[in-house]
């Protein structure tokens, strides 16, 4: 795909539309970063989290209408160990699910397939130690999941009110402690969008916002970048403000 995009750029394209899931979106975003070309995604994946964050809808017809009648906006991109991503990255249970889920289960059941596989993966998962360096301070936690949110949707689920594609920062969420059931409860609250209930009963989630983080884990953990396991800890997480011009619906703030 990167080769096709580069050929289109060389031919002078000023708008490129890419169909696929969140992994394809990240790959396209990395290629188009700083090229002066407008990017528009079509939701052809399972979760389509980036398209949801843009407010374009998850049906192809809605996305096409948004592209035809929308406007453009500049968004941030983020980088981990040389891998540029548009929407989110994570470590902990999510990479284990994404790396082991059978393709047929994902294809047949869609987002429900991830939930079914998560129940199996949780039995194999172990908590880990994570160290976070941010703004000159170092903090260490036991954790079951770390989420790095440029957009506010992951796996098709809205995970944050603070995360925005255009505010020059990234939101870091850490589900602390050793309890896998606390992690399951946190996901349950967020799937049903019960932030008040989650804040009262799932007090083990800490959240930061910043432009740069250094993250280490013991033992080393795989890192899922927009649904694809691409690297491992340790890493530096860096924000690139206003790095890509994208199409958004006219009514999207």
Protein backbone atom coordinates (compact mmCIF):
# COMPACT_ATOMS: atom_id res chain seq x y z
CA UNK A 1 0.00 0.00 0.00
CA UNK A 2 2.80 2.44 0.84
CA UNK A 3 4.16 2.07 -2.69
CA UNK A 4 0.76 2.88 -4.20
CA UNK A 5 0.44 5.96 -2.00
CA UNK A 6 3.91 7.19 -2.93
CA UNK A 7 3.14 6.76 -6.63
CA UNK A 8 -0.09 8.73 -6.19
CA UNK A 9 1.81 11.48 -4.38
CA UNK A 10 4.41 11.59 -7.15
CA UNK A 11 1.58 11.99 -9.67
CA UNK A 12 0.38 15.09 -7.81
CA UNK A 13 -2.67 13.75 -5.92
CA UNK A 14 -4.05 16.25 -3.40
CA UNK A 15 -6.61 13.87 -1.85
CA UNK A 16 -6.08 10.18 -1.13
CA UNK A 17 -8.88 7.90 0.07
CA UNK A 18 -7.81 4.65 1.75
CA UNK A 19 -10.17 1.83 2.63
CA UNK A 20 -9.32 -0.56 5.44
CA UNK A 21 -9.13 -0.97 9.18
CA UNK A 22 -7.15 0.92 11.80
CA UNK A 23 -3.88 -0.77 10.84
CA UNK A 24 -4.25 0.38 7.23
CA UNK A 25 -5.14 3.87 8.44
CA UNK A 26 -1.93 4.08 10.50
CA UNK A 27 0.16 2.84 7.61
CA UNK A 28 -1.37 5.46 5.30
CA UNK A 29 -0.99 8.21 7.89
CA UNK A 30 2.71 7.44 8.32
CA UNK A 31 3.26 7.62 4.55
CA UNK A 32 1.24 10.82 4.06
CA UNK A 33 2.65 12.70 7.07
CA UNK A 34 4.05 16.05 5.97
CA UNK A 35 3.32 15.45 2.28
CA UNK A 36 0.74 18.21 1.84
CA UNK A 37 -1.95 15.74 0.76
CA UNK A 38 -5.39 15.39 2.37
CA UNK A 39 -6.21 11.94 3.77
CA UNK A 40 -9.69 10.39 3.95
CA UNK A 41 -10.37 6.89 5.41
CA UNK A 42 -13.14 4.49 4.41
CA UNK A 43 -14.34 2.13 7.20
CA UNK A 44 -13.62 -1.37 5.87
CA UNK A 45 -12.18 -2.87 9.06
CA UNK A 46 -13.65 -4.59 12.11
CA UNK A 47 -13.61 -1.84 14.74
CA UNK A 48 -12.92 1.29 12.61
CA UNK A 49 -11.90 3.24 15.70
CA UNK A 50 -10.17 6.07 13.83
CA UNK A 51 -13.21 6.70 11.62
CA UNK A 52 -15.42 6.72 14.73
CA UNK A 53 -13.11 9.30 16.34
CA UNK A 54 -13.37 11.50 13.23
CA UNK A 55 -17.17 11.29 13.48
CA UNK A 56 -17.55 9.95 9.93
CA UNK A 57 -19.73 6.95 10.81
CA UNK A 58 -18.93 3.29 10.30
CA UNK A 59 -20.96 2.72 7.13
CA UNK A 60 -19.16 3.25 3.84
CA UNK A 61 -22.12 5.31 2.57
CA UNK A 62 -21.85 7.71 5.52
CA UNK A 63 -18.09 8.05 5.11
CA UNK A 64 -18.45 8.76 1.38
CA UNK A 65 -21.04 11.44 2.15
CA UNK A 66 -18.72 12.99 4.74
CA UNK A 67 -15.85 13.03 2.25
CA UNK A 68 -18.01 14.60 -0.46
CA UNK A 69 -19.51 17.28 1.77
CA UNK A 70 -17.01 17.66 4.59
CA UNK A 71 -14.11 19.94 5.40
CA UNK A 72 -10.47 19.41 6.29
CA UNK A 73 -8.73 19.61 9.66
CA UNK A 74 -5.19 19.14 10.92
CA UNK A 75 -4.65 16.29 13.39
CA UNK A 76 -1.77 15.05 15.51
CA UNK A 77 0.15 11.83 14.92
CA UNK A 78 2.15 9.87 17.48
CA UNK A 79 5.29 7.75 17.28
CA UNK A 80 6.67 4.73 19.15
CA UNK A 81 10.08 3.28 18.25
CA UNK A 82 9.84 4.71 14.74
CA UNK A 83 6.25 3.53 14.19
CA UNK A 84 3.86 6.40 13.47
CA UNK A 85 0.21 5.93 14.42
CA UNK A 86 -2.98 7.91 14.11
CA UNK A 87 -5.37 6.60 16.74
CA UNK A 88 -4.05 4.47 19.60
CA UNK A 89 -1.50 2.03 20.97
CA UNK A 90 -1.61 -0.32 23.93
CA UNK A 91 0.23 -2.94 25.90
CA UNK A 92 -1.05 -5.65 28.19
CA UNK A 93 -4.12 -7.72 27.41
CA UNK A 94 -5.11 -5.95 24.17
CA UNK A 95 -1.97 -6.94 22.20
CA UNK A 96 -2.38 -10.54 23.38
CA UNK A 97 -5.95 -10.56 22.04
CA UNK A 98 -5.05 -8.88 18.76
CA UNK A 99 -2.05 -11.12 18.12
CA UNK A 100 -3.80 -14.43 18.82
CA UNK A 101 -7.44 -14.01 17.73
CA UNK A 102 -8.28 -16.42 14.88
CA UNK A 103 -9.00 -14.49 11.64
CA UNK A 104 -12.21 -16.49 11.08
CA UNK A 105 -13.58 -15.52 14.49
CA UNK A 106 -12.86 -11.85 13.78
CA UNK A 107 -14.38 -12.10 10.31
CA UNK A 108 -17.55 -13.96 11.40
CA UNK A 109 -18.34 -12.15 14.65
CA UNK A 110 -16.68 -8.75 14.15
CA UNK A 111 -16.32 -6.76 17.39
CA UNK A 112 -18.15 -9.52 19.32
CA UNK A 113 -15.37 -11.89 18.29
CA UNK A 114 -12.86 -9.77 20.19
CA UNK A 115 -14.96 -10.01 23.36
CA UNK A 116 -15.28 -13.79 23.02
CA UNK A 117 -11.54 -14.19 22.53
CA UNK A 118 -10.78 -11.78 25.37
CA UNK A 119 -12.35 -14.19 27.87
CA UNK A 120 -9.95 -16.92 26.73
CA UNK A 121 -6.91 -14.64 26.56
CA UNK A 122 -7.52 -13.32 30.08
CA UNK A 123 -6.88 -16.77 31.53
CA UNK A 124 -3.38 -16.74 30.02
CA UNK A 125 -2.56 -13.13 30.83
CA UNK A 126 -0.30 -12.00 33.69
CA UNK A 127 0.01 -8.48 35.22
CA UNK A 128 3.31 -6.66 34.79
CA UNK A 129 5.33 -3.78 36.24
CA UNK A 130 5.38 -0.52 34.30
CA UNK A 131 7.56 2.54 34.79
CA UNK A 132 6.48 5.89 33.31
CA UNK A 133 8.73 8.93 32.96
CA UNK A 134 6.83 12.16 32.23
CA UNK A 135 7.57 15.85 32.84
CA UNK A 136 10.70 15.05 34.82
CA UNK A 137 8.98 12.56 37.16
CA UNK A 138 9.14 8.78 37.37
CA UNK A 139 6.23 6.61 38.54
CA UNK A 140 6.00 2.82 38.83
CA UNK A 141 2.90 0.63 38.96
CA UNK A 142 1.65 -2.89 38.77
CA UNK A 143 -0.63 -2.87 35.69
CA UNK A 144 -2.88 -5.00 33.54
CA UNK A 145 -3.16 -2.59 30.61
CA UNK A 146 -1.63 0.65 29.31
CA UNK A 147 -3.52 2.66 26.68
CA UNK A 148 -2.03 5.48 24.64
CA UNK A 149 -4.91 7.44 23.15
CA UNK A 150 -4.60 9.99 20.37
CA UNK A 151 -8.20 9.31 19.38
CA UNK A 152 -10.94 8.51 21.87
CA UNK A 153 -12.06 5.12 20.46
CA UNK A 154 -10.27 1.77 20.75
CA UNK A 155 -11.73 -1.50 19.47
CA UNK A 156 -14.82 0.47 18.51
CA UNK A 157 -15.31 1.48 22.18
CA UNK A 158 -15.14 5.07 23.43
CA UNK A 159 -12.45 5.06 26.12
CA UNK A 160 -11.86 8.72 26.92
CA UNK A 161 -13.44 12.15 26.95
CA UNK A 162 -10.04 13.84 27.19
CA UNK A 163 -8.33 12.30 24.18
CA UNK A 164 -8.48 14.48 21.06
CA UNK A 165 -6.79 14.22 17.71
CA UNK A 166 -6.01 17.93 17.52
CA UNK A 167 -4.92 19.15 20.98
CA UNK A 168 -1.19 18.47 20.69
CA UNK A 169 -1.13 15.88 23.49
CA UNK A 170 -1.71 12.18 23.98
CA UNK A 171 -3.76 10.63 26.79
CA UNK A 172 -2.07 7.81 28.74
CA UNK A 173 -4.39 5.49 30.71
CA UNK A 174 -2.96 2.85 33.05
CA UNK A 175 -5.21 0.20 34.58
CA UNK A 176 -3.18 -0.37 37.75
CA UNK A 177 -3.05 -3.29 40.14
CA UNK A 178 -2.89 -7.04 39.54
CA UNK A 179 -6.59 -7.86 39.24
CA UNK A 180 -7.69 -9.07 35.82
CA UNK A 181 -11.29 -8.68 36.97
CA UNK A 182 -10.71 -4.98 37.62
CA UNK A 183 -9.57 -4.73 34.02
CA UNK A 184 -12.68 -6.57 32.83
CA UNK A 185 -14.86 -4.27 34.96
CA UNK A 186 -13.18 -1.20 33.51
CA UNK A 187 -13.85 -2.38 29.95
CA UNK A 188 -17.44 -3.24 30.89
CA UNK A 189 -18.02 0.29 32.20
CA UNK A 190 -16.49 1.87 29.12
CA UNK A 191 -18.36 -0.36 26.66
CA UNK A 192 -21.62 0.74 28.29
CA UNK A 193 -20.23 4.31 28.64
CA UNK A 194 -20.71 4.60 32.38
CA UNK A 195 -17.87 7.01 33.23
CA UNK A 196 -19.36 8.11 36.57
CA UNK A 197 -19.94 4.54 37.71
CA UNK A 198 -16.45 3.59 36.50
CA UNK A 199 -14.89 6.52 38.34
CA UNK A 200 -16.53 5.46 41.60
CA UNK A 201 -15.92 1.71 41.44
CA UNK A 202 -12.89 1.36 39.16
CA UNK A 203 -10.52 3.65 41.03
CA UNK A 204 -7.45 1.76 39.78
CA UNK A 205 -7.16 3.72 36.51
CA UNK A 206 -4.67 6.59 36.40
CA UNK A 207 -4.52 9.02 33.50
CA UNK A 208 -1.94 11.49 32.21
CA UNK A 209 -1.77 13.91 29.31
CA UNK A 210 1.48 15.01 27.73
CA UNK A 211 3.62 15.33 24.64
CA UNK A 212 6.36 12.83 25.51
CA UNK A 213 6.59 9.72 27.72
CA UNK A 214 9.24 7.07 28.31
CA UNK A 215 7.77 3.69 29.20
CA UNK A 216 9.48 0.53 30.48
CA UNK A 217 7.96 -2.76 31.67
CA UNK A 218 9.07 -5.87 33.56
CA UNK A 219 8.90 -8.30 31.88
CA UNK A 220 9.02 -6.79 28.37
CA UNK A 221 5.63 -6.41 26.71
CA UNK A 222 4.43 -6.43 23.11
CA UNK A 223 3.02 -3.11 21.92
CA UNK A 224 -0.08 -3.04 19.72
CA UNK A 225 -0.20 -0.02 17.42
CA UNK A 226 -3.66 0.56 15.96
CA UNK A 227 -4.38 -3.15 16.21
CA UNK A 228 -1.03 -4.47 14.93
CA UNK A 229 1.73 -5.79 17.23
CA UNK A 230 4.76 -3.92 15.86
CA UNK A 231 7.30 -3.43 18.66
CA UNK A 232 8.14 -4.12 22.33
CA UNK A 233 8.96 -2.16 25.45
CA UNK A 234 10.88 -0.04 26.33
CA UNK A 235 9.97 2.92 24.13
CA UNK A 236 9.59 6.67 23.88
CA UNK A 237 6.10 7.92 23.04
CA UNK A 238 6.18 11.23 21.14
CA UNK A 239 3.42 13.47 19.75
CA UNK A 240 3.77 15.23 16.38
CA UNK A 241 1.25 18.11 16.46
CA UNK A 242 -0.75 19.03 13.35
CA UNK A 243 1.06 16.43 11.27
CA UNK A 244 -1.70 15.30 8.89
CA UNK A 245 -4.62 16.95 7.11
CA UNK A 246 -7.77 14.80 7.08
CA UNK A 247 -11.38 15.05 5.95
CA UNK A 248 -13.99 15.44 8.70
CA UNK A 249 -17.76 16.05 8.58
CA UNK A 250 -18.76 19.72 8.51
CA UNK A 251 -20.57 19.42 11.85
CA UNK A 252 -17.64 17.75 13.66
CA UNK A 253 -15.95 20.17 16.14
